[in-house]
Amino acid sequence: MRKFSSFVIASLALSGALWAQSAPDPTFRISLGQLTAWVADLPPSIAGPILAHPREFLEDYKPLLSLPWDQMVLVDKGHALPETYAPRDLVRLSRYGLYTSRPTEEMRKEIVPVLLEMSRSARKDGVRLKFSSCYRSWAYQRYLFQHYVNEDGLATAERYSARPGQSQHQLGLAADFGSITPEFAKTAEGKWMDAHAEEFGFSLSYPQGLESVTGYMWEPWHFRYIGKEACQVQKKWFGDIQQYLLVFNNEHAKELKASLLKP
């Protein structure tokens, strides 16, 4: 009996050792075949480097698995927030001396320190950041979308405005800056955000030329807070395209968490 128990223990130890040698990362119980399937829908320019360096990718991705749900949740035309969802810690940015288009503009209290730091950094460079449109409730987004439909028709409105529940603004973590026009990209404010937003955890949601990926026209003024770590992973592994990162996370974060081996 003791010999049998010793054999089982030895077999399990050997199995674990072989797993550690063949797995992309010994801290995750997933195979290279699984990872290959997970990135199959990504462009080759993104999938290739991930599969060439799977251990480095998984090590970089690991901190994202501990981020708050709403910081990484996918909100787009296929993934809507419920009508009842509203952040509980919304605060008026004007209370903190931030420059806003209206005194009623709100965002999440938890990221106010980041907003203040980012605004101070911009001011040092001679740029004043203007928070033009921030949190929007489900009901307000419904009104806004219908307004644009009445003005431009459904087909056109859907290219630049989200249906209720499908707007990142409902999270309280997204903001439109400056003029909210394409010309924003050419302004000092727009150029500064393009160059420095990621340093503070803000990611451009709708890049130029990627309407087929994001579902929306280019919006150089629309940034969402996903955190510094997520921005770094987005830039290093996902072509600096937020949509690819969030879709991957939406589809595989639970599996990655479940496969993470305890130390």
C-alpha atoms as a PDB file:
ATOM      1  CA  MET A   1       0.000   0.000   0.000  1.00  0.00           C
ATOM      2  CA  ARG A   2       2.831   2.361   0.885  1.00  0.00           C
ATOM      3  CA  LYS A   3       4.547   1.520  -2.397  1.00  0.00           C
ATOM      4  CA  PHE A   4       1.348   2.324  -4.296  1.00  0.00           C
ATOM      5  CA  SER A   5       0.931   5.654  -2.465  1.00  0.00           C
ATOM      6  CA  SER A   6       4.534   6.533  -3.173  1.00  0.00           C
ATOM      7  CA  PHE A   7       3.996   5.682  -6.837  1.00  0.00           C
ATOM      8  CA  VAL A   8       0.920   7.931  -7.042  1.00  0.00           C
ATOM      9  CA  ILE A   9       2.728  10.817  -5.367  1.00  0.00           C
ATOM     10  CA  ALA A  10       5.724  10.398  -7.641  1.00  0.00           C
ATOM     11  CA  SER A  11       3.457  10.241 -10.699  1.00  0.00           C
ATOM     12  CA  LEU A  12       1.659  13.426  -9.693  1.00  0.00           C
ATOM     13  CA  ALA A  13       4.958  15.177  -9.078  1.00  0.00           C
ATOM     14  CA  LEU A  14       6.247  14.067 -12.480  1.00  0.00           C
ATOM     15  CA  SER A  15       2.996  15.173 -14.119  1.00  0.00           C
ATOM     16  CA  GLY A  16       3.325  18.594 -12.511  1.00  0.00           C
ATOM     17  CA  ALA A  17       6.933  18.863 -13.600  1.00  0.00           C
ATOM     18  CA  LEU A  18       6.078  17.940 -17.185  1.00  0.00           C
ATOM     19  CA  TRP A  19       3.204  20.444 -17.125  1.00  0.00           C
ATOM     20  CA  ALA A  20       5.490  23.210 -15.921  1.00  0.00           C
ATOM     21  CA  GLN A  21       7.904  22.420 -18.741  1.00  0.00           C
ATOM     22  CA  SER A  22       5.268  22.335 -21.518  1.00  0.00           C
ATOM     23  CA  ALA A  23       2.923  25.111 -20.355  1.00  0.00           C
ATOM     24  CA  PRO A  24       3.325  28.635 -21.765  1.00  0.00           C
ATOM     25  CA  ASP A  25       3.688  29.845 -18.164  1.00  0.00           C
ATOM     26  CA  PRO A  26       4.144  27.502 -15.177  1.00  0.00           C
ATOM     27  CA  THR A  27       1.857  29.674 -13.042  1.00  0.00           C
ATOM     28  CA  PHE A  28      -1.104  29.089 -15.388  1.00  0.00           C
ATOM     29  CA  ARG A  29      -2.642  25.694 -16.073  1.00  0.00           C
ATOM     30  CA  ILE A  30      -3.268  26.329 -19.757  1.00  0.00           C
ATOM     31  CA  SER A  31      -1.613  24.843 -22.803  1.00  0.00           C
ATOM     32  CA  LEU A  32      -0.064  26.583 -25.758  1.00  0.00           C
ATOM     33  CA  GLY A  33      -2.864  25.051 -27.818  1.00  0.00           C
ATOM     34  CA  GLN A  34      -5.462  26.810 -25.667  1.00  0.00           C
ATOM     35  CA  LEU A  35      -3.678  30.126 -25.946  1.00  0.00           C
ATOM     36  CA  THR A  36      -3.396  29.649 -29.710  1.00  0.00           C
ATOM     37  CA  ALA A  37      -7.161  29.154 -29.937  1.00  0.00           C
ATOM     38  CA  TRP A  38      -7.808  32.200 -27.769  1.00  0.00           C
ATOM     39  CA  VAL A  39      -5.841  34.554 -30.024  1.00  0.00           C
ATOM     40  CA  ALA A  40      -7.030  33.026 -33.309  1.00  0.00           C
ATOM     41  CA  ASP A  41      -9.420  35.902 -34.013  1.00  0.00           C
ATOM     42  CA  LEU A  42      -6.807  38.588 -33.409  1.00  0.00           C
ATOM     43  CA  PRO A  43      -4.839  40.060 -36.332  1.00  0.00           C
ATOM     44  CA  PRO A  44      -1.620  38.118 -37.054  1.00  0.00           C
ATOM     45  CA  SER A  45       0.399  41.190 -36.078  1.00  0.00           C
ATOM     46  CA  ILE A  46      -1.015  40.809 -32.553  1.00  0.00           C
ATOM     47  CA  ALA A  47      -1.412  37.040 -32.238  1.00  0.00           C
ATOM     48  CA  GLY A  48       2.091  36.347 -33.572  1.00  0.00           C
ATOM     49  CA  PRO A  49       4.086  38.097 -30.824  1.00  0.00           C
ATOM     50  CA  ILE A  50       1.812  36.642 -28.119  1.00  0.00           C
ATOM     51  CA  LEU A  51       2.430  33.092 -29.327  1.00  0.00           C
ATOM     52  CA  ALA A  52       6.126  33.774 -29.825  1.00  0.00           C
ATOM     53  CA  HIS A  53       6.467  34.949 -26.215  1.00  0.00           C
ATOM     54  CA  PRO A  54       3.580  33.307 -24.302  1.00  0.00           C
ATOM     55  CA  ARG A  55       5.246  33.311 -20.892  1.00  0.00           C
ATOM     56  CA  GLU A  56       6.076  37.006 -21.069  1.00  0.00           C
ATOM     57  CA  PHE A  57       2.542  37.775 -22.259  1.00  0.00           C
ATOM     58  CA  LEU A  58       0.885  35.850 -19.440  1.00  0.00           C
ATOM     59  CA  GLU A  59       3.172  37.367 -16.816  1.00  0.00           C
ATOM     60  CA  ASP A  60       2.334  40.846 -18.099  1.00  0.00           C
ATOM     61  CA  TYR A  61      -1.374  40.017 -18.207  1.00  0.00           C
ATOM     62  CA  LYS A  62      -1.574  38.536 -14.713  1.00  0.00           C
ATOM     63  CA  PRO A  63      -2.032  41.880 -12.841  1.00  0.00           C
ATOM     64  CA  LEU A  64      -5.054  42.693 -15.024  1.00  0.00           C
ATOM     65  CA  LEU A  65      -6.914  39.729 -13.561  1.00  0.00           C
ATOM     66  CA  SER A  66      -7.073  41.551 -10.214  1.00  0.00           C
ATOM     67  CA  LEU A  67      -8.458  44.826 -11.553  1.00  0.00           C
ATOM     68  CA  PRO A  68     -11.997  45.939 -10.619  1.00  0.00           C
ATOM     69  CA  TRP A  69     -14.705  44.538 -12.883  1.00  0.00           C
ATOM     70  CA  ASP A  70     -15.877  47.894 -14.207  1.00  0.00           C
ATOM     71  CA  GLN A  71     -12.348  48.959 -15.120  1.00  0.00           C
ATOM     72  CA  MET A  72     -12.042  46.202 -17.732  1.00  0.00           C
ATOM     73  CA  VAL A  73     -15.655  45.426 -18.637  1.00  0.00           C
ATOM     74  CA  LEU A  74     -16.432  45.375 -22.357  1.00  0.00           C
ATOM     75  CA  VAL A  75     -19.090  47.932 -23.248  1.00  0.00           C
ATOM     76  CA  ASP A  76     -19.886  48.137 -26.945  1.00  0.00           C
ATOM     77  CA  LYS A  77     -22.629  47.430 -29.483  1.00  0.00           C
ATOM     78  CA  GLY A  78     -22.719  43.779 -28.502  1.00  0.00           C
ATOM     79  CA  HIS A  79     -22.256  44.146 -24.750  1.00  0.00           C
ATOM     80  CA  ALA A  80     -24.574  46.535 -22.915  1.00  0.00           C
ATOM     81  CA  LEU A  81     -24.796  47.667 -19.313  1.00  0.00           C
ATOM     82  CA  PRO A  82     -28.196  47.217 -17.636  1.00  0.00           C
ATOM     83  CA  GLU A  83     -30.527  50.169 -17.286  1.00  0.00           C
ATOM     84  CA  THR A  84     -30.157  49.947 -13.514  1.00  0.00           C
ATOM     85  CA  TYR A  85     -26.362  50.230 -13.516  1.00  0.00           C
ATOM     86  CA  ALA A  86     -25.015  53.462 -12.053  1.00  0.00           C
ATOM     87  CA  PRO A  87     -21.756  54.022 -10.126  1.00  0.00           C
ATOM     88  CA  ARG A  88     -22.272  54.826  -6.461  1.00  0.00           C
ATOM     89  CA  ASP A  89     -19.298  57.134  -6.060  1.00  0.00           C
ATOM     90  CA  LEU A  90     -19.957  59.799  -8.697  1.00  0.00           C
ATOM     91  CA  VAL A  91     -18.681  63.265  -7.804  1.00  0.00           C
ATOM     92  CA  ARG A  92     -18.756  66.626  -9.535  1.00  0.00           C
ATOM     93  CA  LEU A  93     -15.351  67.407 -10.994  1.00  0.00           C
ATOM     94  CA  SER A  94     -15.824  71.144 -10.491  1.00  0.00           C
ATOM     95  CA  ARG A  95     -15.615  70.542  -6.723  1.00  0.00           C
ATOM     96  CA  TYR A  96     -11.966  69.626  -7.199  1.00  0.00           C
ATOM     97  CA  GLY A  97     -11.044  72.579  -9.371  1.00  0.00           C
ATOM     98  CA  LEU A  98     -11.034  70.618 -12.620  1.00  0.00           C
ATOM     99  CA  TYR A  99     -11.959  72.509 -15.780  1.00  0.00           C
ATOM    100  CA  THR A 100     -15.341  71.314 -17.058  1.00  0.00           C
ATOM    101  CA  SER A 101     -17.812  72.361 -19.735  1.00  0.00           C
ATOM    102  CA  ARG A 102     -20.588  72.377 -17.125  1.00  0.00           C
ATOM    103  CA  PRO A 103     -20.420  72.410 -13.319  1.00  0.00           C
ATOM    104  CA  THR A 104     -22.509  69.221 -13.234  1.00  0.00           C
ATOM    105  CA  GLU A 105     -19.962  66.982 -15.029  1.00  0.00           C
ATOM    106  CA  GLU A 106     -19.309  63.856 -12.946  1.00  0.00           C
ATOM    107  CA  MET A 107     -16.862  60.948 -12.811  1.00  0.00           C
ATOM    108  CA  ARG A 108     -15.925  58.268 -10.289  1.00  0.00           C
ATOM    109  CA  LYS A 109     -14.444  59.543  -7.039  1.00  0.00           C
ATOM    110  CA  GLU A 110     -11.842  56.770  -7.029  1.00  0.00           C
ATOM    111  CA  ILE A 111     -10.083  58.234 -10.084  1.00  0.00           C
ATOM    112  CA  VAL A 112     -10.208  61.899  -9.041  1.00  0.00           C
ATOM    113  CA  PRO A 113      -6.566  61.755  -7.823  1.00  0.00           C
ATOM    114  CA  VAL A 114      -5.579  60.513 -11.290  1.00  0.00           C
ATOM    115  CA  LEU A 115      -7.556  63.293 -12.973  1.00  0.00           C
ATOM    116  CA  LEU A 116      -5.900  65.904 -10.776  1.00  0.00           C
ATOM    117  CA  GLU A 117      -2.436  64.498 -11.434  1.00  0.00           C
ATOM    118  CA  MET A 118      -3.061  64.381 -15.177  1.00  0.00           C
ATOM    119  CA  SER A 119      -4.424  67.932 -15.240  1.00  0.00           C
ATOM    120  CA  ARG A 120      -1.455  69.258 -13.250  1.00  0.00           C
ATOM    121  CA  SER A 121       0.975  67.504 -15.583  1.00  0.00           C
ATOM    122  CA  ALA A 122      -0.736  69.024 -18.610  1.00  0.00           C
ATOM    123  CA  ARG A 123      -0.642  72.505 -17.059  1.00  0.00           C
ATOM    124  CA  LYS A 124       3.110  72.175 -16.554  1.00  0.00           C
ATOM    125  CA  ASP A 125       3.311  71.682 -20.318  1.00  0.00           C
ATOM    126  CA  GLY A 126       1.140  74.722 -20.952  1.00  0.00           C
ATOM    127  CA  VAL A 127      -2.040  72.745 -21.675  1.00  0.00           C
ATOM    128  CA  ARG A 128      -5.372  73.054 -19.898  1.00  0.00           C
ATOM    129  CA  LEU A 129      -7.492  69.904 -20.063  1.00  0.00           C
ATOM    130  CA  LYS A 130     -11.218  70.452 -20.426  1.00  0.00           C
ATOM    131  CA  PHE A 131     -13.587  67.694 -19.326  1.00  0.00           C
ATOM    132  CA  SER A 132     -16.432  68.290 -21.754  1.00  0.00           C
ATOM    133  CA  SER A 133     -18.718  65.262 -21.332  1.00  0.00           C
ATOM    134  CA  CYS A 134     -18.274  62.622 -18.647  1.00  0.00           C
ATOM    135  CA  TYR A 135     -20.790  60.386 -16.866  1.00  0.00           C
ATOM    136  CA  ARG A 136     -24.084  59.756 -18.650  1.00  0.00           C
ATOM    137  CA  SER A 137     -26.953  57.765 -17.221  1.00  0.00           C
ATOM    138  CA  TRP A 138     -28.762  55.094 -19.242  1.00  0.00           C
ATOM    139  CA  ALA A 139     -31.775  57.406 -19.533  1.00  0.00           C
ATOM    140  CA  TYR A 140     -29.736  60.384 -20.714  1.00  0.00           C
ATOM    141  CA  GLN A 141     -27.953  58.248 -23.296  1.00  0.00           C
ATOM    142  CA  ARG A 142     -31.333  57.117 -24.610  1.00  0.00           C
ATOM    143  CA  TYR A 143     -32.396  60.737 -25.012  1.00  0.00           C
ATOM    144  CA  LEU A 144     -29.102  61.684 -26.659  1.00  0.00           C
ATOM    145  CA  PHE A 145     -29.137  58.771 -29.109  1.00  0.00           C
ATOM    146  CA  GLN A 146     -32.714  59.493 -30.157  1.00  0.00           C
ATOM    147  CA  HIS A 147     -31.828  63.159 -30.626  1.00  0.00           C
ATOM    148  CA  TYR A 148     -29.056  62.214 -33.060  1.00  0.00           C
ATOM    149  CA  VAL A 149     -31.326  59.744 -34.856  1.00  0.00           C
ATOM    150  CA  ASN A 150     -33.876  62.517 -35.354  1.00  0.00           C
ATOM    151  CA  GLU A 151     -31.156  64.798 -36.709  1.00  0.00           C
ATOM    152  CA  ASP A 152     -29.124  62.469 -38.936  1.00  0.00           C
ATOM    153  CA  GLY A 153     -31.078  59.230 -39.308  1.00  0.00           C
ATOM    154  CA  LEU A 154     -30.424  55.872 -37.670  1.00  0.00           C
ATOM    155  CA  ALA A 155     -27.623  54.634 -39.941  1.00  0.00           C
ATOM    156  CA  THR A 156     -25.512  57.759 -39.466  1.00  0.00           C
ATOM    157  CA  ALA A 157     -26.284  58.185 -35.757  1.00  0.00           C
ATOM    158  CA  GLU A 158     -25.140  54.639 -35.003  1.00  0.00           C
ATOM    159  CA  ARG A 159     -21.698  55.453 -36.380  1.00  0.00           C
ATOM    160  CA  TYR A 160     -20.987  58.105 -33.743  1.00  0.00           C
ATOM    161  CA  SER A 161     -23.491  57.669 -30.923  1.00  0.00           C
ATOM    162  CA  ALA A 162     -24.158  54.699 -28.653  1.00  0.00           C
ATOM    163  CA  ARG A 163     -27.528  53.252 -27.840  1.00  0.00           C
ATOM    164  CA  PRO A 164     -28.495  53.325 -24.140  1.00  0.00           C
ATOM    165  CA  GLY A 165     -26.462  50.797 -22.181  1.00  0.00           C
ATOM    166  CA  GLN A 166     -23.795  50.644 -24.884  1.00  0.00           C
ATOM    167  CA  SER A 167     -21.961  53.822 -23.884  1.00  0.00           C
ATOM    168  CA  GLN A 168     -18.710  53.740 -21.903  1.00  0.00           C
ATOM    169  CA  HIS A 169     -19.827  57.018 -20.330  1.00  0.00           C
ATOM    170  CA  GLN A 170     -22.304  55.076 -18.163  1.00  0.00           C
ATOM    171  CA  LEU A 171     -19.326  53.589 -16.295  1.00  0.00           C
ATOM    172  CA  GLY A 172     -18.266  56.992 -14.983  1.00  0.00           C
ATOM    173  CA  LEU A 173     -14.735  56.211 -16.194  1.00  0.00           C
ATOM    174  CA  ALA A 174     -14.866  57.764 -19.675  1.00  0.00           C
ATOM    175  CA  ALA A 175     -14.580  61.388 -20.707  1.00  0.00           C
ATOM    176  CA  ASP A 176     -14.797  63.484 -23.838  1.00  0.00           C
ATOM    177  CA  PHE A 177     -12.201  66.251 -23.861  1.00  0.00           C
ATOM    178  CA  GLY A 178     -12.037  69.645 -25.496  1.00  0.00           C
ATOM    179  CA  SER A 179     -14.142  70.509 -28.514  1.00  0.00           C
ATOM    180  CA  ILE A 180     -15.537  66.984 -29.124  1.00  0.00           C
ATOM    181  CA  THR A 181     -14.752  67.370 -32.822  1.00  0.00           C
ATOM    182  CA  PRO A 182     -12.151  65.793 -35.134  1.00  0.00           C
ATOM    183  CA  GLU A 183     -10.265  69.094 -34.991  1.00  0.00           C
ATOM    184  CA  PHE A 184      -9.460  68.311 -31.351  1.00  0.00           C
ATOM    185  CA  ALA A 185      -6.648  66.051 -32.583  1.00  0.00           C
ATOM    186  CA  LYS A 186      -4.801  69.074 -33.982  1.00  0.00           C
ATOM    187  CA  THR A 187      -5.048  71.181 -30.828  1.00  0.00           C
ATOM    188  CA  ALA A 188      -2.389  71.360 -28.121  1.00  0.00           C
ATOM    189  CA  GLU A 189      -4.819  69.595 -25.786  1.00  0.00           C
ATOM    190  CA  GLY A 190      -5.476  66.812 -28.268  1.00  0.00           C
ATOM    191  CA  LYS A 191      -1.791  66.296 -29.018  1.00  0.00           C
ATOM    192  CA  TRP A 192      -0.977  66.209 -25.313  1.00  0.00           C
ATOM    193  CA  MET A 193      -3.640  63.588 -24.597  1.00  0.00           C
ATOM    194  CA  ASP A 194      -2.482  61.494 -27.531  1.00  0.00           C
ATOM    195  CA  ALA A 195       1.072  61.543 -26.198  1.00  0.00           C
ATOM    196  CA  HIS A 196       0.481  61.256 -22.443  1.00  0.00           C
ATOM    197  CA  ALA A 197      -2.969  59.833 -21.615  1.00  0.00           C
ATOM    198  CA  GLU A 198      -1.665  56.276 -21.197  1.00  0.00           C
ATOM    199  CA  GLU A 199       0.800  57.461 -18.546  1.00  0.00           C
ATOM    200  CA  PHE A 200      -2.236  58.102 -16.343  1.00  0.00           C
ATOM    201  CA  GLY A 201      -4.214  55.012 -17.311  1.00  0.00           C
ATOM    202  CA  PHE A 202      -6.395  56.583 -19.989  1.00  0.00           C
ATOM    203  CA  SER A 203      -6.875  54.826 -23.320  1.00  0.00           C
ATOM    204  CA  LEU A 204      -8.262  56.159 -26.608  1.00  0.00           C
ATOM    205  CA  SER A 205     -11.414  54.131 -27.238  1.00  0.00           C
ATOM    206  CA  TYR A 206     -12.089  54.809 -30.918  1.00  0.00           C
ATOM    207  CA  PRO A 207      -8.895  55.220 -32.980  1.00  0.00           C
ATOM    208  CA  GLN A 208      -8.799  56.449 -36.552  1.00  0.00           C
ATOM    209  CA  GLY A 209      -9.452  53.903 -39.294  1.00  0.00           C
ATOM    210  CA  LEU A 210     -10.836  51.225 -36.968  1.00  0.00           C
ATOM    211  CA  GLU A 211     -14.593  51.736 -37.232  1.00  0.00           C
ATOM    212  CA  SER A 212     -14.957  48.123 -38.410  1.00  0.00           C
ATOM    213  CA  VAL A 213     -13.316  46.999 -35.149  1.00  0.00           C
ATOM    214  CA  THR A 214     -14.768  49.410 -32.584  1.00  0.00           C
ATOM    215  CA  GLY A 215     -18.131  50.060 -34.220  1.00  0.00           C
ATOM    216  CA  TYR A 216     -17.669  53.828 -34.115  1.00  0.00           C
ATOM    217  CA  MET A 217     -16.064  56.588 -36.116  1.00  0.00           C
ATOM    218  CA  TRP A 218     -12.760  58.105 -35.034  1.00  0.00           C
ATOM    219  CA  GLU A 219     -13.141  60.043 -31.781  1.00  0.00           C
ATOM    220  CA  PRO A 220      -9.795  61.604 -30.832  1.00  0.00           C
ATOM    221  CA  TRP A 221     -11.476  63.218 -27.834  1.00  0.00           C
ATOM    222  CA  HIS A 222     -12.909  60.086 -26.140  1.00  0.00           C
ATOM    223  CA  PHE A 223     -10.748  58.390 -23.515  1.00  0.00           C
ATOM    224  CA  ARG A 224     -11.583  55.678 -21.001  1.00  0.00           C
ATOM    225  CA  TYR A 225      -9.738  54.974 -17.776  1.00  0.00           C
ATOM    226  CA  ILE A 226      -8.529  51.355 -17.695  1.00  0.00           C
ATOM    227  CA  GLY A 227      -5.456  51.905 -15.502  1.00  0.00           C
ATOM    228  CA  LYS A 228      -1.734  52.116 -16.184  1.00  0.00           C
ATOM    229  CA  GLU A 229      -1.152  48.354 -16.172  1.00  0.00           C
ATOM    230  CA  ALA A 230      -3.908  47.733 -18.698  1.00  0.00           C
ATOM    231  CA  CYS A 231      -2.622  50.565 -20.901  1.00  0.00           C
ATOM    232  CA  GLN A 232       0.842  49.000 -20.857  1.00  0.00           C
ATOM    233  CA  VAL A 233      -0.516  45.589 -21.861  1.00  0.00           C
ATOM    234  CA  GLN A 234      -2.680  47.216 -24.526  1.00  0.00           C
ATOM    235  CA  LYS A 235       0.305  48.982 -26.046  1.00  0.00           C
ATOM    236  CA  LYS A 236       2.759  46.086 -25.782  1.00  0.00           C
ATOM    237  CA  TRP A 237       0.527  43.178 -26.794  1.00  0.00           C
ATOM    238  CA  PHE A 238      -2.667  44.425 -28.457  1.00  0.00           C
ATOM    239  CA  GLY A 239      -1.429  46.916 -31.026  1.00  0.00           C
ATOM    240  CA  ASP A 240      -2.400  49.756 -28.670  1.00  0.00           C
ATOM    241  CA  ILE A 241      -6.050  49.105 -29.544  1.00  0.00           C
ATOM    242  CA  GLN A 242      -8.380  49.084 -26.558  1.00  0.00           C
ATOM    243  CA  GLN A 243     -11.107  47.070 -28.260  1.00  0.00           C
ATOM    244  CA  TYR A 244      -8.830  44.087 -28.892  1.00  0.00           C
ATOM    245  CA  LEU A 245      -7.708  44.066 -25.256  1.00  0.00           C
ATOM    246  CA  LEU A 246     -11.209  44.326 -23.804  1.00  0.00           C
ATOM    247  CA  VAL A 247     -12.669  41.700 -26.133  1.00  0.00           C
ATOM    248  CA  PHE A 248      -9.865  39.288 -25.198  1.00  0.00           C
ATOM    249  CA  ASN A 249     -10.428  40.022 -21.514  1.00  0.00           C
ATOM    250  CA  ASN A 250     -14.184  39.589 -21.837  1.00  0.00           C
ATOM    251  CA  GLU A 251     -13.775  36.191 -23.465  1.00  0.00           C
ATOM    252  CA  HIS A 252     -10.887  34.742 -21.467  1.00  0.00           C
ATOM    253  CA  ALA A 253     -10.350  36.518 -18.126  1.00  0.00           C
ATOM    254  CA  LYS A 254     -12.483  33.996 -16.212  1.00  0.00           C
ATOM    255  CA  GLU A 255     -10.587  31.068 -17.727  1.00  0.00           C
ATOM    256  CA  LEU A 256      -7.264  32.715 -16.976  1.00  0.00           C
ATOM    257  CA  LYS A 257      -8.254  33.328 -13.361  1.00  0.00           C
ATOM    258  CA  ALA A 258      -9.441  29.751 -12.990  1.00  0.00           C
ATOM    259  CA  SER A 259      -6.216  28.401 -14.484  1.00  0.00           C
ATOM    260  CA  LEU A 260      -3.960  30.485 -12.257  1.00  0.00           C
ATOM    261  CA  LEU A 261      -2.083  28.120  -9.957  1.00  0.00           C
ATOM    262  CA  LYS A 262      -1.813  28.980  -6.274  1.00  0.00           C
ATOM    263  CA  PRO A 263       1.739  29.719  -5.098  1.00  0.00           C
END
